[in-house]
């Protein structure tokens, strides 16, 4: 299941990473740099961040090797949501003092927050070589390793995060989802139980429990218990996507295609690109003797399967042919066409690094930026409608 968790998670991790290393300043007798630094610190304490940043920038021009000033600057820019300048400061620290604890983790989160996923992943890997339990870097790997064709690394990162951060429901949700995707049901069960204890009001807990029950208990009693869980999820979140798909699957299992169609047709409108909905629809229409609709659904299913197969084939080739500009351009543009925006951005960025200035890539970037903005606006609208419906400010 795909959810818009990435940006909130990376912002939380960024705040955590920003506190990982603070050392006492040492100016080696440079009184002017020390005075400017102190003036900046005093301004920051008054809440005057612009003045603080100006003073610190002047201080670091005089004392350009002082990592403490660069660190304060990076934190100040992060507070102003000026991540590019924060990255500039963090890169300077990594250059001056590459052994600074947590520096690559900070860079990983900063790069992730501005959607530079490949750079984020590389920095996270560097940090984890020094500190295998660095939670922010593990969070970066968990966020993007699957997209880079490294599902095993993502699974290991989520498993470790579930132990290091046992009460973090965002990472726990991702771990539950991945275990379910991999059909590792025995491992998923205790994680789902933990998630439901930690987030009893979340509709996701009922969905995870329902999916697990659907897979492990095919009896009529098991089907009814799963129905109850998915109905509970829809009560908690009426716009939830997966309950209707699974209710359709359950009623097909119970040989009640008319009931299944009620849910599957709505699910198909909610998730037109989901392949298994079209498969279930084709079967349900066939069982209710709607041959034309069954043929149309089967045709959509086949088209989606061909699309998925092609994208996965291209991504696998990209993992092996890292210097193939034409391949990365083709893959990025194709992923954009089929709506896989994260894959598109990663491939287009890599292609652009291999050969800057390609006009097709420039056009693709413009299209991607526009479509992601439209997607984000839609998410914000749905979120606002949900909050209004629930009486939240």
Protein backbone atom coordinates (compact mmCIF):
# COMPACT_ATOMS: atom_id res chain seq x y z
CA UNK A 1 0.00 0.00 0.00
CA UNK A 2 1.28 3.44 -0.89
CA UNK A 3 0.66 6.28 1.50
CA UNK A 4 1.85 9.91 1.56
CA UNK A 5 4.07 9.27 4.60
CA UNK A 6 7.43 10.05 3.05
CA UNK A 7 7.65 13.83 3.50
CA UNK A 8 6.39 13.89 7.14
CA UNK A 9 8.74 11.06 8.07
CA UNK A 10 11.79 12.68 6.48
CA UNK A 11 11.04 15.98 8.21
CA UNK A 12 10.86 14.22 11.58
CA UNK A 13 14.11 12.40 10.87
CA UNK A 14 15.71 15.65 9.78
CA UNK A 15 14.90 17.20 13.13
CA UNK A 16 16.32 14.15 14.91
CA UNK A 17 19.48 14.12 12.81
CA UNK A 18 20.05 17.82 13.42
CA UNK A 19 20.59 17.15 17.13
CA UNK A 20 23.01 14.27 16.76
CA UNK A 21 26.22 16.27 17.02
CA UNK A 22 26.89 19.49 18.86
CA UNK A 23 30.40 20.24 20.09
CA UNK A 24 31.67 23.26 22.03
CA UNK A 25 33.07 25.95 19.71
CA UNK A 26 36.79 26.59 19.53
CA UNK A 27 37.96 29.75 17.72
CA UNK A 28 41.71 29.40 18.34
CA UNK A 29 42.06 33.04 19.32
CA UNK A 30 40.04 34.45 16.44
CA UNK A 31 38.14 37.03 18.48
CA UNK A 32 36.26 38.60 15.55
CA UNK A 33 34.81 35.26 14.42
CA UNK A 34 33.95 34.44 18.03
CA UNK A 35 32.19 37.80 18.51
CA UNK A 36 30.11 37.34 15.36
CA UNK A 37 29.26 33.79 16.40
CA UNK A 38 28.14 34.98 19.85
CA UNK A 39 26.05 37.75 18.30
CA UNK A 40 24.38 35.21 16.04
CA UNK A 41 23.68 32.88 18.95
CA UNK A 42 22.14 35.73 20.95
CA UNK A 43 19.96 36.69 17.96
CA UNK A 44 18.81 33.08 17.58
CA UNK A 45 17.85 32.98 21.26
CA UNK A 46 15.74 36.12 20.68
CA UNK A 47 14.04 34.42 17.76
CA UNK A 48 15.72 36.63 15.15
CA UNK A 49 16.89 33.83 12.86
CA UNK A 50 17.71 36.04 9.88
CA UNK A 51 20.17 38.08 11.91
CA UNK A 52 21.62 34.93 13.43
CA UNK A 53 22.27 33.41 10.03
CA UNK A 54 23.88 36.60 8.75
CA UNK A 55 26.21 36.79 11.76
CA UNK A 56 27.14 33.11 11.49
CA UNK A 57 27.81 33.44 7.75
CA UNK A 58 30.17 36.35 8.48
CA UNK A 59 31.81 34.36 11.25
CA UNK A 60 32.43 31.34 9.04
CA UNK A 61 33.95 33.50 6.30
CA UNK A 62 36.58 34.53 8.81
CA UNK A 63 36.97 31.02 10.27
CA UNK A 64 36.01 28.70 7.36
CA UNK A 65 37.24 25.51 9.01
CA UNK A 66 35.12 25.85 12.13
CA UNK A 67 32.65 22.97 11.98
CA UNK A 68 30.62 24.31 14.92
CA UNK A 69 29.64 27.43 12.97
CA UNK A 70 28.77 25.34 9.91
CA UNK A 71 26.66 23.10 12.13
CA UNK A 72 24.76 26.05 13.61
CA UNK A 73 24.23 27.42 10.12
CA UNK A 74 22.85 24.10 8.91
CA UNK A 75 20.40 23.94 11.82
CA UNK A 76 19.36 27.55 11.27
CA UNK A 77 18.69 26.97 7.58
CA UNK A 78 16.70 23.85 8.41
CA UNK A 79 14.50 25.90 10.73
CA UNK A 80 13.87 28.28 7.81
CA UNK A 81 13.09 25.31 5.53
CA UNK A 82 16.04 26.33 3.36
CA UNK A 83 17.29 22.80 2.87
CA UNK A 84 19.61 23.54 -0.05
CA UNK A 85 21.65 25.95 2.07
CA UNK A 86 21.58 23.44 4.92
CA UNK A 87 23.02 20.84 2.55
CA UNK A 88 25.76 23.28 1.54
CA UNK A 89 26.76 23.64 5.19
CA UNK A 90 26.60 19.92 5.90
CA UNK A 91 28.71 19.10 2.86
CA UNK A 92 31.29 21.58 4.14
CA UNK A 93 31.40 19.78 7.50
CA UNK A 94 31.83 16.44 5.71
CA UNK A 95 34.72 17.93 3.74
CA UNK A 96 36.46 19.52 6.72
CA UNK A 97 35.83 16.78 9.27
CA UNK A 98 34.68 13.57 7.53
CA UNK A 99 34.71 11.66 10.82
CA UNK A 100 32.05 13.91 12.39
CA UNK A 101 29.50 11.56 13.98
CA UNK A 102 26.17 11.56 12.17
CA UNK A 103 27.19 13.89 9.33
CA UNK A 104 26.32 11.49 6.53
CA UNK A 105 23.03 10.69 8.23
CA UNK A 106 22.16 14.37 8.34
CA UNK A 107 23.01 14.69 4.67
CA UNK A 108 20.94 11.63 3.84
CA UNK A 109 17.81 13.08 5.43
CA UNK A 110 18.42 16.51 3.93
CA UNK A 111 18.82 15.07 0.43
CA UNK A 112 15.69 12.97 0.90
CA UNK A 113 13.66 16.00 1.94
CA UNK A 114 14.47 17.72 -1.37
CA UNK A 115 13.78 14.53 -3.34
CA UNK A 116 17.38 13.73 -4.27
CA UNK A 117 16.91 10.07 -3.49
CA UNK A 118 20.07 8.60 -4.98
CA UNK A 119 22.28 11.03 -3.07
CA UNK A 120 20.25 10.36 0.08
CA UNK A 121 20.72 6.62 -0.25
CA UNK A 122 24.47 6.93 -0.81
CA UNK A 123 24.90 9.14 2.26
CA UNK A 124 22.79 6.79 4.37
CA UNK A 125 24.94 3.85 3.30
CA UNK A 126 28.08 5.75 4.30
CA UNK A 127 26.63 6.49 7.73
CA UNK A 128 25.49 2.92 8.29
CA UNK A 129 28.97 1.60 7.55
CA UNK A 130 30.16 3.53 10.62
CA UNK A 131 27.05 3.16 12.72
CA UNK A 132 24.77 0.25 11.71
CA UNK A 133 22.13 1.37 14.22
CA UNK A 134 21.82 4.96 13.00
CA UNK A 135 18.03 5.29 12.95
CA UNK A 136 17.70 8.29 10.58
CA UNK A 137 19.89 6.57 7.97
CA UNK A 138 17.95 3.35 8.36
CA UNK A 139 14.83 5.43 7.77
CA UNK A 140 16.25 6.69 4.47
CA UNK A 141 17.07 3.15 3.34
CA UNK A 142 13.58 2.04 4.34
CA UNK A 143 12.08 4.90 2.37
CA UNK A 144 13.79 4.35 -0.96
CA UNK A 145 15.72 1.06 -1.15
CA UNK A 146 12.72 -0.80 -2.57
CA UNK A 147 12.43 1.70 -5.40
CA UNK A 148 16.11 1.23 -6.19
CA UNK A 149 15.56 -2.50 -6.58
CA UNK A 150 16.99 -3.34 -3.15
CA UNK A 151 14.01 -4.89 -1.41
CA UNK A 152 16.17 -7.04 0.87
CA UNK A 153 17.96 -3.95 2.17
CA UNK A 154 14.65 -2.22 2.81
CA UNK A 155 13.36 -5.23 4.73
CA UNK A 156 16.51 -5.38 6.87
CA UNK A 157 16.27 -1.66 7.60
CA UNK A 158 12.63 -1.90 8.65
CA UNK A 159 13.29 -4.95 10.81
CA UNK A 160 16.09 -3.12 12.60
CA UNK A 161 13.99 0.03 12.99
CA UNK A 162 11.19 -2.04 14.52
CA UNK A 163 13.68 -3.00 17.26
CA UNK A 164 15.43 0.36 17.64
CA UNK A 165 12.23 2.44 17.46
CA UNK A 166 9.57 -0.01 18.72
CA UNK A 167 6.96 2.71 19.29
CA UNK A 168 7.33 4.51 15.94
CA UNK A 169 4.07 3.74 14.16
CA UNK A 170 5.19 5.12 10.77
CA UNK A 171 8.07 2.69 10.44
CA UNK A 172 6.04 -0.09 12.01
CA UNK A 173 3.30 0.46 9.42
CA UNK A 174 5.85 0.17 6.61
CA UNK A 175 7.23 -3.03 8.15
CA UNK A 176 3.76 -4.56 8.45
CA UNK A 177 3.01 -3.70 4.84
CA UNK A 178 6.25 -5.15 3.53
CA UNK A 179 5.88 -8.38 5.49
CA UNK A 180 2.36 -8.75 4.10
CA UNK A 181 3.58 -8.03 0.56
CA UNK A 182 6.18 -10.79 0.96
CA UNK A 183 3.61 -13.21 2.46
CA UNK A 184 5.70 -13.53 5.62
CA UNK A 185 2.56 -13.97 7.64
CA UNK A 186 4.05 -15.49 10.78
CA UNK A 187 6.44 -12.55 11.14
CA UNK A 188 3.71 -10.05 10.30
CA UNK A 189 1.33 -11.20 13.04
CA UNK A 190 3.20 -9.83 16.12
CA UNK A 191 4.06 -6.61 14.25
CA UNK A 192 0.39 -6.07 13.37
CA UNK A 193 -0.63 -6.75 16.96
CA UNK A 194 1.92 -4.20 18.16
CA UNK A 195 0.71 -1.63 15.64
CA UNK A 196 -2.90 -2.06 16.77
CA UNK A 197 -1.89 -1.61 20.41
CA UNK A 198 0.07 1.55 19.62
CA UNK A 199 -2.49 3.05 17.20
CA UNK A 200 -5.93 1.69 18.14
CA UNK A 201 -7.72 4.49 16.27
CA UNK A 202 -5.84 3.93 13.01
CA UNK A 203 -7.80 2.24 10.23
CA UNK A 204 -4.52 0.74 9.02
CA UNK A 205 -4.41 -1.69 11.95
CA UNK A 206 -7.78 -3.15 11.00
CA UNK A 207 -6.69 -3.38 7.35
CA UNK A 208 -3.46 -5.21 8.22
CA UNK A 209 -5.30 -7.61 10.53
CA UNK A 210 -7.96 -8.22 7.89
CA UNK A 211 -5.36 -8.90 5.18
CA UNK A 212 -3.56 -11.35 7.45
CA UNK A 213 -6.79 -13.14 8.34
CA UNK A 214 -7.82 -13.30 4.68
CA UNK A 215 -4.57 -15.12 3.89
CA UNK A 216 -4.47 -17.47 6.86
CA UNK A 217 -8.10 -18.47 7.47
CA UNK A 218 -10.27 -19.36 4.47
CA UNK A 219 -13.11 -20.81 6.56
CA UNK A 220 -16.55 -19.13 6.57
CA UNK A 221 -15.88 -17.97 10.14
CA UNK A 222 -12.51 -16.55 9.09
CA UNK A 223 -14.12 -14.76 6.15
CA UNK A 224 -16.75 -13.22 8.41
CA UNK A 225 -14.13 -12.07 10.90
CA UNK A 226 -12.15 -10.46 8.06
CA UNK A 227 -15.31 -8.75 6.78
CA UNK A 228 -15.82 -7.27 10.24
CA UNK A 229 -12.26 -5.93 10.28
CA UNK A 230 -12.54 -4.28 6.85
CA UNK A 231 -15.93 -2.77 7.73
CA UNK A 232 -14.33 -1.40 10.89
CA UNK A 233 -11.55 0.14 8.80
CA UNK A 234 -14.12 1.87 6.59
CA UNK A 235 -15.92 3.22 9.65
CA UNK A 236 -12.64 4.67 10.90
CA UNK A 237 -11.69 6.02 7.46
CA UNK A 238 -14.50 6.04 4.83
CA UNK A 239 -12.06 6.90 2.03
CA UNK A 240 -9.68 4.01 2.78
CA UNK A 241 -8.75 2.22 -0.43
CA UNK A 242 -7.95 -1.39 0.38
CA UNK A 243 -11.01 -2.48 2.43
CA UNK A 244 -13.25 -2.50 -0.65
CA UNK A 245 -10.79 -4.55 -2.66
CA UNK A 246 -10.54 -7.16 0.08
CA UNK A 247 -14.27 -7.20 0.75
CA UNK A 248 -14.69 -7.93 -2.95
CA UNK A 249 -12.16 -10.75 -2.71
CA UNK A 250 -13.85 -12.23 0.34
CA UNK A 251 -17.29 -12.25 -1.24
CA UNK A 252 -15.80 -13.89 -4.32
CA UNK A 253 -14.33 -16.54 -2.03
CA UNK A 254 -17.79 -16.99 -0.53
CA UNK A 255 -19.22 -17.36 -4.05
CA UNK A 256 -21.29 -14.20 -3.75
CA UNK A 257 -20.24 -12.25 -6.89
CA UNK A 258 -23.14 -9.78 -6.72
CA UNK A 259 -21.94 -8.54 -3.32
CA UNK A 260 -18.36 -8.62 -4.53
CA UNK A 261 -19.17 -6.31 -7.44
CA UNK A 262 -20.61 -3.67 -5.11
CA UNK A 263 -17.16 -3.23 -3.57
CA UNK A 264 -14.96 -4.03 -6.56
CA UNK A 265 -16.54 -1.45 -8.85
CA UNK A 266 -15.94 1.28 -6.28
CA UNK A 267 -12.41 0.03 -5.67
CA UNK A 268 -11.72 0.18 -9.42
CA UNK A 269 -12.70 3.85 -9.48
CA UNK A 270 -10.53 4.59 -6.45
CA UNK A 271 -7.49 2.68 -7.80
CA UNK A 272 -7.76 2.42 -11.59
CA UNK A 273 -4.17 1.29 -11.90
CA UNK A 274 -4.42 -1.65 -9.47
CA UNK A 275 -4.04 -4.86 -11.40
CA UNK A 276 -5.69 -7.36 -9.06
CA UNK A 277 -8.92 -5.34 -8.90
CA UNK A 278 -9.37 -5.84 -12.64
CA UNK A 279 -8.64 -9.56 -12.24
CA UNK A 280 -11.31 -9.91 -9.56
CA UNK A 281 -13.74 -7.80 -11.57
CA UNK A 282 -13.28 -9.99 -14.64
CA UNK A 283 -14.12 -13.08 -12.62
CA UNK A 284 -17.07 -11.46 -10.86
CA UNK A 285 -18.55 -10.26 -14.14
CA UNK A 286 -18.07 -13.73 -15.62
CA UNK A 287 -19.87 -15.36 -12.70
CA UNK A 288 -22.80 -12.94 -13.10
CA UNK A 289 -22.92 -13.62 -16.88
CA UNK A 290 -21.77 -10.13 -17.91
CA UNK A 291 -19.47 -11.33 -20.67
CA UNK A 292 -18.69 -7.97 -22.27
CA UNK A 293 -17.76 -6.35 -18.95
CA UNK A 294 -15.70 -9.40 -18.04
CA UNK A 295 -13.77 -9.14 -21.32
CA UNK A 296 -13.13 -5.42 -20.78
CA UNK A 297 -11.86 -5.99 -17.24
CA UNK A 298 -9.61 -8.83 -18.41
CA UNK A 299 -8.22 -6.58 -21.13
CA UNK A 300 -7.45 -3.85 -18.56
CA UNK A 301 -5.82 -6.46 -16.31
CA UNK A 302 -3.56 -7.65 -19.13
CA UNK A 303 -2.58 -4.09 -20.06
CA UNK A 304 -1.66 -3.29 -16.45
CA UNK A 305 0.31 -6.51 -16.12
CA UNK A 306 2.27 -5.78 -19.30
CA UNK A 307 2.94 -2.27 -18.01
CA UNK A 308 4.19 -3.57 -14.67
CA UNK A 309 6.35 -6.23 -16.31
CA UNK A 310 7.99 -3.69 -18.60
CA UNK A 311 8.70 -1.24 -15.79
CA UNK A 312 10.20 -3.93 -13.57
CA UNK A 313 12.33 -5.20 -16.44
CA UNK A 314 13.65 -1.72 -17.16
CA UNK A 315 14.41 -1.07 -13.48
CA UNK A 316 16.29 -4.37 -13.16
CA UNK A 317 18.40 -3.44 -16.18
CA UNK A 318 19.10 -0.04 -14.65
CA UNK A 319 20.44 -1.72 -11.51
CA UNK A 320 22.98 -3.56 -13.69
CA UNK A 321 23.81 -0.91 -16.32
CA UNK A 322 24.53 2.17 -14.22
CA UNK A 323 26.33 4.06 -17.03
CA UNK A 324 23.66 3.49 -19.71
CA UNK A 325 22.26 6.97 -20.31
CA UNK A 326 19.70 5.91 -22.92
CA UNK A 327 18.37 3.17 -20.65
CA UNK A 328 17.91 5.51 -17.69
CA UNK A 329 16.24 8.12 -19.89
CA UNK A 330 13.87 5.54 -21.37
CA UNK A 331 13.06 4.13 -17.94
CA UNK A 332 12.50 7.55 -16.38
CA UNK A 333 10.17 8.69 -19.16
CA UNK A 334 8.26 5.39 -19.11
CA UNK A 335 7.83 5.48 -15.32
CA UNK A 336 6.52 9.03 -15.66
CA UNK A 337 4.04 7.93 -18.32
CA UNK A 338 2.62 5.17 -16.10
CA UNK A 339 2.51 7.36 -12.97
CA UNK A 340 5.41 5.87 -11.00
CA UNK A 341 6.77 9.27 -10.02
CA UNK A 342 9.45 8.20 -7.51
CA UNK A 343 11.00 5.76 -9.98
CA UNK A 344 10.77 8.43 -12.68
CA UNK A 345 12.57 11.02 -10.56
CA UNK A 346 15.38 8.66 -9.58
CA UNK A 347 16.00 7.50 -13.16
CA UNK A 348 15.74 10.97 -14.69
CA UNK A 349 18.12 12.37 -12.09
CA UNK A 350 20.67 9.62 -12.80
CA UNK A 351 20.35 10.13 -16.56
CA UNK A 352 20.83 13.88 -16.12
CA UNK A 353 23.98 13.27 -14.09
CA UNK A 354 25.32 11.03 -16.88
CA UNK A 355 24.58 13.54 -19.63
CA UNK A 356 23.42 17.03 -18.55
CA UNK A 357 21.32 19.20 -20.82
CA UNK A 358 19.27 16.59 -22.71
CA UNK A 359 16.09 18.35 -24.00
CA UNK A 360 13.85 15.27 -23.57
CA UNK A 361 14.88 14.95 -19.95
CA UNK A 362 14.26 18.66 -19.40
CA UNK A 363 10.74 18.25 -20.80
CA UNK A 364 10.18 15.14 -18.66
CA UNK A 365 11.27 17.04 -15.53
CA UNK A 366 8.76 19.79 -16.28
CA UNK A 367 5.98 17.25 -16.75
CA UNK A 368 6.99 15.39 -13.58
CA UNK A 369 7.06 18.60 -11.52
CA UNK A 370 3.59 19.55 -12.77
CA UNK A 371 2.07 16.12 -12.14
CA UNK A 372 3.61 15.80 -8.68
CA UNK A 373 2.25 19.24 -7.76
CA UNK A 374 -1.21 18.15 -8.93
CA UNK A 375 -0.91 14.96 -6.90
CA UNK A 376 0.17 16.86 -3.80
CA UNK A 377 -2.70 19.34 -4.20
CA UNK A 378 -5.14 16.43 -4.44
CA UNK A 379 -3.68 14.82 -1.32
CA UNK A 380 -3.98 18.10 0.57
CA UNK A 381 -7.59 18.48 -0.56
CA UNK A 382 -8.49 14.96 0.54
CA UNK A 383 -6.70 15.49 3.86
CA UNK A 384 -8.58 18.76 4.46
CA UNK A 385 -11.90 17.09 3.64
CA UNK A 386 -11.15 14.25 6.05
CA UNK A 387 -10.25 16.67 8.85
CA UNK A 388 -13.41 18.67 8.23
CA UNK A 389 -15.51 15.52 8.28
CA UNK A 390 -13.94 14.48 11.59
CA UNK A 391 -14.39 17.95 13.10
CA UNK A 392 -10.65 18.63 13.34
CA UNK A 393 -9.15 22.12 12.91
